[in-house]
Amino acid sequence: QVQLVESGGGLVQTGGSLRLSCEVSGFTLDYHAIGWFRQAPGREREGVSCVTNSDDNIVYADSVKGRFAVTRDSAKNTVYLQMNNLKPEDTAIYYCGFVMSRIAAETQYRCRGINPTHFISWGQGTQVTVSS
């Protein structure tokens, strides 16, 4: 059973930085995609970024390009979301989502649109609050 554990959220002032972590365990297939998503009160869950283990392409939502960056530590099965120059509109619960496949292209496809419906397993979420 796939498990994801997020950490690193908190309260920060506008312009500040946070780094979120997503540790994944229990996956069994060769290829996977890990996405970062966020959900603000009263809004739908939206994609922030996504990375696969089969290519070097990292996808970012337009709203975070140039401010957020994803890195991964394959040895620790952990993906990080470095968030810089945070804005009040970044306030949300942040989740990591996971999907795996025997086919690399499938995970790349699921990653491309950062669509939460393309992801199967989810972490519990971590709150990020940016004060103005």
Protein backbone atom coordinates (compact mmCIF):
# COMPACT_ATOMS: atom_id res chain seq x y z
CA GLN A 1 0.00 0.00 0.00
CA VAL A 2 1.39 3.35 -1.06
CA GLN A 3 1.78 5.89 1.72
CA LEU A 4 2.71 9.56 1.44
CA VAL A 5 3.70 11.80 4.31
CA GLU A 6 3.99 15.55 3.84
CA SER A 7 5.77 17.90 6.19
CA GLY A 8 7.20 21.39 6.31
CA GLY A 9 4.16 23.64 6.28
CA GLY A 10 3.75 26.63 8.55
CA LEU A 11 3.09 30.34 8.87
CA VAL A 12 5.30 32.75 6.97
CA GLN A 13 5.15 36.41 5.99
CA THR A 14 4.75 37.63 2.44
CA GLY A 15 8.03 37.20 0.60
CA GLY A 16 9.18 34.40 2.85
CA SER A 17 10.11 30.81 2.02
CA LEU A 18 9.14 27.32 3.04
CA ARG A 19 10.24 23.87 1.96
CA LEU A 20 7.73 21.05 1.91
CA SER A 21 8.68 17.38 1.89
CA CYS A 22 6.78 14.37 0.59
CA GLU A 23 8.09 10.96 1.54
CA VAL A 24 6.65 8.03 -0.39
CA SER A 25 6.72 4.37 0.58
CA GLY A 26 5.10 1.12 -0.47
CA PHE A 27 5.17 1.58 -4.23
CA THR A 28 5.80 -1.47 -6.38
CA LEU A 29 5.92 -0.52 -10.05
CA ASP A 30 8.93 0.84 -11.95
CA TYR A 31 7.57 4.24 -12.93
CA HIS A 32 5.76 6.88 -10.96
CA ALA A 33 4.73 10.51 -10.89
CA ILE A 34 4.58 12.67 -7.79
CA GLY A 35 2.55 15.83 -7.92
CA TRP A 36 2.13 18.75 -5.58
CA PHE A 37 -1.35 20.18 -5.21
CA ARG A 38 -3.03 22.75 -3.03
CA GLN A 39 -6.53 23.50 -1.88
CA ALA A 40 -7.66 26.78 -0.42
CA PRO A 41 -10.94 27.09 1.54
CA GLY A 42 -13.91 27.07 -0.80
CA ARG A 43 -11.81 26.24 -3.84
CA GLU A 44 -11.06 23.11 -5.80
CA ARG A 45 -7.77 21.30 -5.49
CA GLU A 46 -5.32 22.62 -8.06
CA GLY A 47 -2.04 21.36 -9.42
CA VAL A 48 1.17 23.11 -8.45
CA SER A 49 3.95 20.95 -9.83
CA CYS A 50 4.77 17.42 -10.92
CA VAL A 51 7.81 15.23 -11.49
CA THR A 52 8.30 11.68 -12.70
CA ASN A 53 11.15 9.27 -12.11
CA SER A 54 11.48 8.54 -15.84
CA ASP A 55 12.50 11.91 -17.29
CA ASP A 56 13.99 15.26 -16.28
CA ASN A 57 10.92 17.29 -17.06
CA ILE A 58 9.30 19.12 -14.13
CA VAL A 59 5.94 20.73 -14.70
CA TYR A 60 4.86 23.89 -12.89
CA ALA A 61 1.60 25.78 -12.78
CA ASP A 62 1.89 29.28 -14.23
CA SER A 63 1.04 30.81 -10.86
CA VAL A 64 4.19 29.42 -9.24
CA LYS A 65 6.74 29.44 -12.08
CA GLY A 66 9.91 31.20 -11.05
CA ARG A 67 9.01 31.00 -7.36
CA PHE A 68 8.63 27.28 -6.62
CA ALA A 69 11.10 24.52 -7.40
CA VAL A 70 10.88 20.76 -7.06
CA THR A 71 13.80 18.52 -6.23
CA ARG A 72 13.96 14.85 -5.38
CA ASP A 73 16.12 12.54 -3.32
CA SER A 74 15.62 9.13 -4.89
CA ALA A 75 17.57 7.37 -2.15
CA LYS A 76 15.07 8.68 0.40
CA ASN A 77 12.02 8.38 -1.88
CA THR A 78 11.34 12.00 -1.05
CA VAL A 79 10.31 14.95 -3.17
CA TYR A 80 10.72 18.51 -1.99
CA LEU A 81 8.83 21.66 -2.93
CA GLN A 82 10.89 24.78 -2.29
CA MET A 83 8.58 27.78 -2.17
CA ASN A 84 10.11 31.24 -2.39
CA ASN A 85 8.64 34.73 -2.54
CA LEU A 86 5.42 33.45 -1.03
CA LYS A 87 2.24 35.45 -1.45
CA PRO A 88 -1.01 35.47 0.54
CA GLU A 89 -2.74 33.74 -2.38
CA ASP A 90 -0.41 30.75 -1.85
CA THR A 91 -2.22 30.05 1.42
CA ALA A 92 -3.73 26.57 1.24
CA ILE A 93 -3.38 23.00 2.37
CA TYR A 94 -0.67 21.43 0.25
CA TYR A 95 -0.90 17.77 -0.72
CA CYS A 96 1.33 15.41 -2.62
CA GLY A 97 -0.28 12.93 -4.94
CA PHE A 98 1.13 9.73 -6.42
CA VAL A 99 0.49 7.46 -9.36
CA MET A 100 2.54 4.54 -10.64
CA SER A 101 2.64 2.46 -13.80
CA ARG A 102 4.64 -0.15 -15.71
CA ILE A 103 4.77 2.32 -18.60
CA ALA A 104 6.90 5.45 -18.30
CA ALA A 105 4.84 7.36 -20.85
CA GLU A 106 1.69 6.93 -18.78
CA THR A 107 3.21 8.62 -15.75
CA GLN A 108 4.58 11.38 -17.96
CA TYR A 109 1.12 11.92 -19.40
CA ARG A 110 -0.50 12.04 -15.96
CA CYS A 111 2.12 14.52 -14.80
CA ARG A 112 1.80 16.89 -17.74
CA GLY A 113 -1.50 18.54 -16.82
CA ILE A 114 -1.07 18.30 -13.02
CA ASN A 115 -4.69 17.19 -12.87
CA PRO A 116 -5.61 15.85 -9.43
CA THR A 117 -7.99 13.30 -10.98
CA HIS A 118 -4.96 11.58 -12.55
CA PHE A 119 -3.45 10.72 -9.18
CA ILE A 120 -4.40 7.77 -7.04
CA SER A 121 -2.74 8.05 -3.64
CA TRP A 122 -2.61 11.11 -1.39
CA GLY A 123 -0.90 12.35 1.69
CA GLN A 124 -2.67 13.95 4.63
CA GLY A 125 -1.73 17.50 3.62
CA THR A 126 0.21 20.26 5.31
CA GLN A 127 -1.05 23.78 5.96
CA VAL A 128 0.77 26.74 4.46
CA THR A 129 -0.32 30.18 5.61
CA VAL A 130 1.16 33.37 4.19
CA SER A 131 0.38 36.53 6.09
CA SER A 132 0.27 39.94 4.43
